[in-house]
Amino acid sequence: MAEMQSALWRYLLILLMCPLLFGRDNYILGESERLHSPTLVAEDEKHSLSLVADMGGSPTPNTELTQPSQRIKFNPTVQNIVLSELKDVRFNCSIEVPHLDNGEQITWWKNGQLISHSEHISVQSFEIPDGVMTTILSLCSITGIQRSDSGTYTCKLTLKNDKIISDPIYIQVEGLPYFIRQPETLNVTRNTPFNLTCEAVGPPEPVGIYWYQNSTRINNVAEVSPAVLHVSGKSNK
């Protein structure tokens, strides 16, 4: 009798716990049914990855790449070039891009201005395909470089309306200083003071100027250009 009462109590306890275990909206799977999990989506800045999983299955990746121009940049190259006047110089920039369909070309710029071909400056470009990517190499050559060629040089490439700009290349041309302003011939009245001006530029900077009269140095310490010589007055023209 005691065993029958104990079994009856266990049966009632199980009946009371069923709603707690399963709930009203829960469903008990049949023998031929499988459990399906919801789709998981994970995203980051570079790509999105969709995972679909079910019982007994493996995740299936679905990668969607962003625009190539958002990740592409020019390869590092020389940053500073210092050389003397009339020397020849060549420098380059390169970049790896997907295979080109529209014939995109690298352009060279100096101080924000597009460089055009001339007898003095020439530009050559080469394309080297490798798998799904193509390396573009562009060479800029300057023959008999001049002081006016000093400045900042950059490469630019346009891909799908996006402009890619390289790091700058600084070129400094050095040589002997030269005069850009020399003393003028003057007619002055006797005993009247006057000034003479002389100006020179480098590099190197600053430029020091000495004054001479009849092959004799007037100042023992060089004056920084531009230099002005104050003459109190002469008895002769």
C-alpha atoms as a PDB file:
ATOM      1  CA  MET A   1       0.000   0.000   0.000  1.00  0.00           C
ATOM      2  CA  ALA A   2       2.820   2.397   0.881  1.00  0.00           C
ATOM      3  CA  GLU A   3       4.606   1.606  -2.444  1.00  0.00           C
ATOM      4  CA  MET A   4       1.416   2.394  -4.428  1.00  0.00           C
ATOM      5  CA  GLN A   5       1.046   5.770  -2.692  1.00  0.00           C
ATOM      6  CA  SER A   6       4.717   6.626  -3.386  1.00  0.00           C
ATOM      7  CA  ALA A   7       4.348   5.782  -7.109  1.00  0.00           C
ATOM      8  CA  LEU A   8       1.149   7.841  -7.286  1.00  0.00           C
ATOM      9  CA  TRP A   9       2.904  10.876  -5.802  1.00  0.00           C
ATOM     10  CA  ARG A  10       5.774  10.579  -8.341  1.00  0.00           C
ATOM     11  CA  TYR A  11       3.247  10.416 -11.197  1.00  0.00           C
ATOM     12  CA  LEU A  12       1.478  13.563  -9.961  1.00  0.00           C
ATOM     13  CA  LEU A  13       4.825  15.368  -9.580  1.00  0.00           C
ATOM     14  CA  ILE A  14       5.771  14.591 -13.196  1.00  0.00           C
ATOM     15  CA  LEU A  15       2.430  15.914 -14.442  1.00  0.00           C
ATOM     16  CA  LEU A  16       2.938  19.172 -12.547  1.00  0.00           C
ATOM     17  CA  MET A  17       6.480  19.687 -13.979  1.00  0.00           C
ATOM     18  CA  CYS A  18       5.571  19.107 -17.652  1.00  0.00           C
ATOM     19  CA  PRO A  19       4.352  22.709 -18.302  1.00  0.00           C
ATOM     20  CA  LEU A  20       7.548  24.047 -16.727  1.00  0.00           C
ATOM     21  CA  LEU A  21       9.815  21.878 -18.893  1.00  0.00           C
ATOM     22  CA  PHE A  22       8.110  22.348 -22.250  1.00  0.00           C
ATOM     23  CA  GLY A  23       5.740  25.340 -21.998  1.00  0.00           C
ATOM     24  CA  ARG A  24       2.730  26.027 -24.128  1.00  0.00           C
ATOM     25  CA  ASP A  25       4.668  26.918 -27.336  1.00  0.00           C
ATOM     26  CA  ASN A  26       7.266  24.146 -27.195  1.00  0.00           C
ATOM     27  CA  TYR A  27       7.221  21.282 -29.602  1.00  0.00           C
ATOM     28  CA  ILE A  28       8.563  17.740 -29.232  1.00  0.00           C
ATOM     29  CA  LEU A  29      10.420  16.517 -32.333  1.00  0.00           C
ATOM     30  CA  GLY A  30       9.379  13.374 -34.097  1.00  0.00           C
ATOM     31  CA  GLU A  31      11.771  10.634 -35.114  1.00  0.00           C
ATOM     32  CA  SER A  32      12.324  11.926 -38.696  1.00  0.00           C
ATOM     33  CA  GLU A  33      12.633  15.643 -37.778  1.00  0.00           C
ATOM     34  CA  ARG A  34      15.815  17.641 -37.231  1.00  0.00           C
ATOM     35  CA  LEU A  35      16.579  20.665 -35.137  1.00  0.00           C
ATOM     36  CA  HIS A  36      17.313  23.846 -37.213  1.00  0.00           C
ATOM     37  CA  SER A  37      19.178  26.786 -35.753  1.00  0.00           C
ATOM     38  CA  PRO A  38      18.628  30.378 -36.942  1.00  0.00           C
ATOM     39  CA  THR A  39      20.981  32.092 -39.399  1.00  0.00           C
ATOM     40  CA  LEU A  40      23.906  33.903 -37.785  1.00  0.00           C
ATOM     41  CA  VAL A  41      25.354  37.034 -39.426  1.00  0.00           C
ATOM     42  CA  ALA A  42      28.715  38.508 -38.443  1.00  0.00           C
ATOM     43  CA  GLU A  43      30.051  41.711 -39.998  1.00  0.00           C
ATOM     44  CA  ASP A  44      33.268  43.720 -39.769  1.00  0.00           C
ATOM     45  CA  GLU A  45      34.841  46.596 -41.690  1.00  0.00           C
ATOM     46  CA  LYS A  46      36.406  44.453 -44.409  1.00  0.00           C
ATOM     47  CA  HIS A  47      33.849  41.784 -45.220  1.00  0.00           C
ATOM     48  CA  SER A  48      30.602  40.184 -44.130  1.00  0.00           C
ATOM     49  CA  LEU A  49      30.359  36.486 -43.280  1.00  0.00           C
ATOM     50  CA  SER A  50      27.067  34.552 -43.220  1.00  0.00           C
ATOM     51  CA  LEU A  51      26.915  31.253 -41.394  1.00  0.00           C
ATOM     52  CA  VAL A  52      24.084  28.756 -41.830  1.00  0.00           C
ATOM     53  CA  ALA A  53      24.186  25.719 -39.555  1.00  0.00           C
ATOM     54  CA  ASP A  54      21.942  22.784 -38.851  1.00  0.00           C
ATOM     55  CA  MET A  55      22.208  19.552 -36.977  1.00  0.00           C
ATOM     56  CA  GLY A  56      24.958  17.465 -38.509  1.00  0.00           C
ATOM     57  CA  GLY A  57      26.028  20.271 -40.934  1.00  0.00           C
ATOM     58  CA  SER A  58      29.043  22.601 -41.108  1.00  0.00           C
ATOM     59  CA  PRO A  59      29.118  26.437 -41.380  1.00  0.00           C
ATOM     60  CA  THR A  60      29.094  27.779 -44.948  1.00  0.00           C
ATOM     61  CA  PRO A  61      31.056  31.050 -45.445  1.00  0.00           C
ATOM     62  CA  ASN A  62      29.843  33.724 -47.866  1.00  0.00           C
ATOM     63  CA  THR A  63      32.458  36.450 -48.215  1.00  0.00           C
ATOM     64  CA  GLU A  64      31.653  39.803 -49.830  1.00  0.00           C
ATOM     65  CA  LEU A  65      34.727  41.986 -50.375  1.00  0.00           C
ATOM     66  CA  THR A  66      34.653  45.749 -50.232  1.00  0.00           C
ATOM     67  CA  GLN A  67      35.740  48.005 -53.083  1.00  0.00           C
ATOM     68  CA  PRO A  68      39.418  47.334 -53.983  1.00  0.00           C
ATOM     69  CA  SER A  69      40.305  51.039 -53.989  1.00  0.00           C
ATOM     70  CA  GLN A  70      39.448  51.246 -50.282  1.00  0.00           C
ATOM     71  CA  ARG A  71      42.295  48.866 -49.447  1.00  0.00           C
ATOM     72  CA  ILE A  72      44.838  49.585 -52.196  1.00  0.00           C
ATOM     73  CA  LYS A  73      47.740  51.976 -51.665  1.00  0.00           C
ATOM     74  CA  PHE A  74      51.090  52.746 -53.278  1.00  0.00           C
ATOM     75  CA  ASN A  75      54.138  50.771 -52.197  1.00  0.00           C
ATOM     76  CA  PRO A  76      56.756  52.603 -50.087  1.00  0.00           C
ATOM     77  CA  THR A  77      59.556  54.249 -52.064  1.00  0.00           C
ATOM     78  CA  VAL A  78      62.388  56.750 -51.604  1.00  0.00           C
ATOM     79  CA  GLN A  79      61.375  59.853 -49.640  1.00  0.00           C
ATOM     80  CA  ASN A  80      64.239  62.336 -50.127  1.00  0.00           C
ATOM     81  CA  ILE A  81      66.617  62.920 -53.029  1.00  0.00           C
ATOM     82  CA  VAL A  82      69.450  65.459 -52.788  1.00  0.00           C
ATOM     83  CA  LEU A  83      71.711  65.989 -55.805  1.00  0.00           C
ATOM     84  CA  SER A  84      73.728  68.575 -57.691  1.00  0.00           C
ATOM     85  CA  GLU A  85      72.681  70.566 -60.714  1.00  0.00           C
ATOM     86  CA  LEU A  86      72.924  69.036 -64.210  1.00  0.00           C
ATOM     87  CA  LYS A  87      72.819  65.481 -62.840  1.00  0.00           C
ATOM     88  CA  ASP A  88      70.396  62.877 -64.212  1.00  0.00           C
ATOM     89  CA  VAL A  89      67.935  61.319 -61.780  1.00  0.00           C
ATOM     90  CA  ARG A  90      65.276  58.604 -61.941  1.00  0.00           C
ATOM     91  CA  PHE A  91      62.699  57.685 -59.319  1.00  0.00           C
ATOM     92  CA  ASN A  92      59.583  55.509 -59.341  1.00  0.00           C
ATOM     93  CA  CYS A  93      56.345  54.498 -57.677  1.00  0.00           C
ATOM     94  CA  SER A  94      54.458  51.194 -57.861  1.00  0.00           C
ATOM     95  CA  ILE A  95      51.097  49.786 -56.839  1.00  0.00           C
ATOM     96  CA  GLU A  96      49.257  46.451 -56.967  1.00  0.00           C
ATOM     97  CA  VAL A  97      45.680  46.561 -58.273  1.00  0.00           C
ATOM     98  CA  PRO A  98      43.099  44.113 -59.651  1.00  0.00           C
ATOM     99  CA  HIS A  99      43.347  43.497 -63.386  1.00  0.00           C
ATOM    100  CA  LEU A 100      42.641  46.764 -65.178  1.00  0.00           C
ATOM    101  CA  ASP A 101      39.752  46.951 -67.631  1.00  0.00           C
ATOM    102  CA  ASN A 102      39.762  50.641 -68.535  1.00  0.00           C
ATOM    103  CA  GLY A 103      43.481  51.210 -69.112  1.00  0.00           C
ATOM    104  CA  GLU A 104      44.066  53.246 -65.953  1.00  0.00           C
ATOM    105  CA  GLN A 105      47.482  54.924 -65.834  1.00  0.00           C
ATOM    106  CA  ILE A 106      49.603  56.479 -63.089  1.00  0.00           C
ATOM    107  CA  THR A 107      50.132  60.239 -63.401  1.00  0.00           C
ATOM    108  CA  TRP A 108      52.984  62.270 -61.877  1.00  0.00           C
ATOM    109  CA  TRP A 109      52.468  65.577 -60.067  1.00  0.00           C
ATOM    110  CA  LYS A 110      54.922  68.228 -58.879  1.00  0.00           C
ATOM    111  CA  ASN A 111      53.814  70.683 -56.198  1.00  0.00           C
ATOM    112  CA  GLY A 112      50.186  69.879 -57.060  1.00  0.00           C
ATOM    113  CA  GLN A 113      50.622  70.423 -60.826  1.00  0.00           C
ATOM    114  CA  LEU A 114      50.388  67.659 -63.442  1.00  0.00           C
ATOM    115  CA  ILE A 115      53.753  66.878 -65.054  1.00  0.00           C
ATOM    116  CA  SER A 116      53.744  66.829 -68.853  1.00  0.00           C
ATOM    117  CA  HIS A 117      56.281  65.041 -71.028  1.00  0.00           C
ATOM    118  CA  SER A 118      59.173  67.107 -72.390  1.00  0.00           C
ATOM    119  CA  GLU A 119      62.793  66.722 -73.499  1.00  0.00           C
ATOM    120  CA  HIS A 120      63.743  67.466 -69.919  1.00  0.00           C
ATOM    121  CA  ILE A 121      61.315  65.160 -68.076  1.00  0.00           C
ATOM    122  CA  SER A 122      59.946  61.795 -69.243  1.00  0.00           C
ATOM    123  CA  VAL A 123      57.565  59.258 -67.698  1.00  0.00           C
ATOM    124  CA  GLN A 124      57.331  55.529 -68.474  1.00  0.00           C
ATOM    125  CA  SER A 125      54.803  53.006 -67.123  1.00  0.00           C
ATOM    126  CA  PHE A 126      54.828  49.199 -67.078  1.00  0.00           C
ATOM    127  CA  GLU A 127      52.161  46.631 -66.163  1.00  0.00           C
ATOM    128  CA  ILE A 128      53.153  43.250 -64.684  1.00  0.00           C
ATOM    129  CA  PRO A 129      50.188  40.828 -64.351  1.00  0.00           C
ATOM    130  CA  ASP A 130      50.331  38.201 -61.597  1.00  0.00           C
ATOM    131  CA  GLY A 131      47.262  36.035 -61.001  1.00  0.00           C
ATOM    132  CA  VAL A 132      44.283  38.206 -60.172  1.00  0.00           C
ATOM    133  CA  MET A 133      46.438  41.282 -59.473  1.00  0.00           C
ATOM    134  CA  THR A 134      48.526  43.570 -61.681  1.00  0.00           C
ATOM    135  CA  THR A 135      51.573  45.577 -60.583  1.00  0.00           C
ATOM    136  CA  ILE A 136      51.860  49.016 -62.186  1.00  0.00           C
ATOM    137  CA  LEU A 137      55.358  50.528 -62.150  1.00  0.00           C
ATOM    138  CA  SER A 138      55.898  54.140 -63.235  1.00  0.00           C
ATOM    139  CA  LEU A 139      59.321  55.752 -63.728  1.00  0.00           C
ATOM    140  CA  CYS A 140      59.989  59.499 -63.776  1.00  0.00           C
ATOM    141  CA  SER A 141      63.316  60.560 -65.329  1.00  0.00           C
ATOM    142  CA  ILE A 142      64.834  64.051 -65.277  1.00  0.00           C
ATOM    143  CA  THR A 143      67.822  64.794 -67.521  1.00  0.00           C
ATOM    144  CA  GLY A 144      70.228  67.547 -66.478  1.00  0.00           C
ATOM    145  CA  ILE A 145      68.254  68.498 -63.386  1.00  0.00           C
ATOM    146  CA  GLN A 146      67.954  72.189 -62.566  1.00  0.00           C
ATOM    147  CA  ARG A 147      67.184  74.160 -59.435  1.00  0.00           C
ATOM    148  CA  SER A 148      63.675  74.793 -60.711  1.00  0.00           C
ATOM    149  CA  ASP A 149      63.090  71.015 -60.582  1.00  0.00           C
ATOM    150  CA  SER A 150      63.288  71.054 -56.778  1.00  0.00           C
ATOM    151  CA  GLY A 151      59.963  70.282 -55.142  1.00  0.00           C
ATOM    152  CA  THR A 152      57.496  67.610 -54.020  1.00  0.00           C
ATOM    153  CA  TYR A 153      56.596  64.799 -56.423  1.00  0.00           C
ATOM    154  CA  THR A 154      53.629  62.417 -56.033  1.00  0.00           C
ATOM    155  CA  CYS A 155      51.892  59.675 -58.027  1.00  0.00           C
ATOM    156  CA  LYS A 156      48.129  59.466 -58.534  1.00  0.00           C
ATOM    157  CA  LEU A 157      45.887  56.663 -59.789  1.00  0.00           C
ATOM    158  CA  THR A 158      42.103  56.741 -60.235  1.00  0.00           C
ATOM    159  CA  LEU A 159      40.142  53.499 -59.719  1.00  0.00           C
ATOM    160  CA  LYS A 160      36.352  53.580 -59.972  1.00  0.00           C
ATOM    161  CA  ASN A 161      36.270  57.327 -59.277  1.00  0.00           C
ATOM    162  CA  ASP A 162      38.491  56.899 -56.190  1.00  0.00           C
ATOM    163  CA  LYS A 163      41.844  58.733 -56.249  1.00  0.00           C
ATOM    164  CA  ILE A 164      44.837  56.966 -54.720  1.00  0.00           C
ATOM    165  CA  ILE A 165      47.815  59.212 -53.914  1.00  0.00           C
ATOM    166  CA  SER A 166      51.341  58.073 -53.063  1.00  0.00           C
ATOM    167  CA  ASP A 167      53.564  59.377 -50.293  1.00  0.00           C
ATOM    168  CA  PRO A 168      55.549  62.454 -51.431  1.00  0.00           C
ATOM    169  CA  ILE A 169      59.085  62.326 -52.821  1.00  0.00           C
ATOM    170  CA  TYR A 170      61.108  65.436 -51.931  1.00  0.00           C
ATOM    171  CA  ILE A 171      63.811  66.492 -54.409  1.00  0.00           C
ATOM    172  CA  GLN A 172      66.402  69.128 -53.492  1.00  0.00           C
ATOM    173  CA  VAL A 173      68.867  70.365 -56.092  1.00  0.00           C
ATOM    174  CA  GLU A 174      72.092  71.866 -54.773  1.00  0.00           C
ATOM    175  CA  GLY A 175      74.880  73.773 -56.467  1.00  0.00           C
ATOM    176  CA  LEU A 176      76.937  76.933 -56.234  1.00  0.00           C
ATOM    177  CA  PRO A 177      75.004  80.038 -55.127  1.00  0.00           C
ATOM    178  CA  TYR A 178      74.276  82.503 -57.905  1.00  0.00           C
ATOM    179  CA  PHE A 179      73.353  86.168 -58.072  1.00  0.00           C
ATOM    180  CA  ILE A 180      69.792  87.193 -58.801  1.00  0.00           C
ATOM    181  CA  ARG A 181      70.498  90.909 -58.244  1.00  0.00           C
ATOM    182  CA  GLN A 182      73.774  92.729 -58.803  1.00  0.00           C
ATOM    183  CA  PRO A 183      74.870  96.304 -58.068  1.00  0.00           C
ATOM    184  CA  GLU A 184      73.713  98.784 -60.695  1.00  0.00           C
ATOM    185  CA  THR A 185      75.851 101.374 -62.368  1.00  0.00           C
ATOM    186  CA  LEU A 186      75.032 104.744 -60.805  1.00  0.00           C
ATOM    187  CA  ASN A 187      75.800 108.369 -61.550  1.00  0.00           C
ATOM    188  CA  VAL A 188      75.989 110.216 -58.242  1.00  0.00           C
ATOM    189  CA  THR A 189      76.704 113.768 -57.187  1.00  0.00           C
ATOM    190  CA  ARG A 190      79.966 114.432 -55.428  1.00  0.00           C
ATOM    191  CA  ASN A 191      79.838 113.853 -51.650  1.00  0.00           C
ATOM    192  CA  THR A 192      76.327 112.421 -51.906  1.00  0.00           C
ATOM    193  CA  PRO A 193      75.751 109.109 -50.066  1.00  0.00           C
ATOM    194  CA  PHE A 194      74.243 106.167 -51.939  1.00  0.00           C
ATOM    195  CA  ASN A 195      73.523 102.462 -51.521  1.00  0.00           C
ATOM    196  CA  LEU A 196      74.461  99.371 -53.522  1.00  0.00           C
ATOM    197  CA  THR A 197      72.406  96.176 -53.254  1.00  0.00           C
ATOM    198  CA  CYS A 198      73.451  92.631 -54.042  1.00  0.00           C
ATOM    199  CA  GLU A 199      71.379  89.435 -53.653  1.00  0.00           C
ATOM    200  CA  ALA A 200      72.239  85.770 -54.178  1.00  0.00           C
ATOM    201  CA  VAL A 201      70.420  82.487 -53.565  1.00  0.00           C
ATOM    202  CA  GLY A 202      71.494  78.941 -52.801  1.00  0.00           C
ATOM    203  CA  PRO A 203      71.294  76.202 -51.831  1.00  0.00           C
ATOM    204  CA  PRO A 204      73.092  76.048 -49.574  1.00  0.00           C
ATOM    205  CA  GLU A 205      71.363  78.666 -47.493  1.00  0.00           C
ATOM    206  CA  PRO A 206      71.965  81.220 -46.130  1.00  0.00           C
ATOM    207  CA  VAL A 207      74.274  82.876 -48.680  1.00  0.00           C
ATOM    208  CA  GLY A 208      77.019  85.179 -47.362  1.00  0.00           C
ATOM    209  CA  ILE A 209      78.163  88.165 -49.474  1.00  0.00           C
ATOM    210  CA  TYR A 210      81.491  90.033 -49.378  1.00  0.00           C
ATOM    211  CA  TRP A 211      81.963  93.477 -50.908  1.00  0.00           C
ATOM    212  CA  TYR A 212      85.078  94.381 -52.902  1.00  0.00           C
ATOM    213  CA  GLN A 213      86.387  97.707 -54.208  1.00  0.00           C
ATOM    214  CA  ASN A 214      89.213  97.594 -56.746  1.00  0.00           C
ATOM    215  CA  SER A 215      89.898  93.944 -55.758  1.00  0.00           C
ATOM    216  CA  THR A 216      90.123  94.870 -52.077  1.00  0.00           C
ATOM    217  CA  ARG A 217      87.646  93.354 -49.629  1.00  0.00           C
ATOM    218  CA  ILE A 218      85.613  95.988 -47.822  1.00  0.00           C
ATOM    219  CA  ASN A 219      83.820  93.887 -45.175  1.00  0.00           C
ATOM    220  CA  ASN A 220      85.611  91.239 -43.104  1.00  0.00           C
ATOM    221  CA  VAL A 221      82.365  89.519 -42.052  1.00  0.00           C
ATOM    222  CA  ALA A 222      80.003  88.181 -44.707  1.00  0.00           C
ATOM    223  CA  GLU A 223      76.566  89.783 -44.886  1.00  0.00           C
ATOM    224  CA  VAL A 224      73.562  87.538 -45.266  1.00  0.00           C
ATOM    225  CA  SER A 225      71.895  87.977 -48.649  1.00  0.00           C
ATOM    226  CA  PRO A 226      70.414  90.363 -49.622  1.00  0.00           C
ATOM    227  CA  ALA A 227      73.282  92.671 -48.690  1.00  0.00           C
ATOM    228  CA  VAL A 228      73.256  96.467 -48.864  1.00  0.00           C
ATOM    229  CA  LEU A 229      76.475  98.534 -48.947  1.00  0.00           C
ATOM    230  CA  HIS A 230      76.127 102.068 -47.581  1.00  0.00           C
ATOM    231  CA  VAL A 231      78.554 104.529 -49.208  1.00  0.00           C
ATOM    232  CA  SER A 232      78.903 107.883 -47.489  1.00  0.00           C
ATOM    233  CA  GLY A 233      80.008 109.795 -50.631  1.00  0.00           C
ATOM    234  CA  LYS A 234      82.763 109.953 -53.262  1.00  0.00           C
ATOM    235  CA  SER A 235      84.705 112.805 -54.683  1.00  0.00           C
ATOM    236  CA  ASN A 236      84.627 111.204 -58.157  1.00  0.00           C
ATOM    237  CA  LYS A 237      81.844 109.660 -60.199  1.00  0.00           C
END
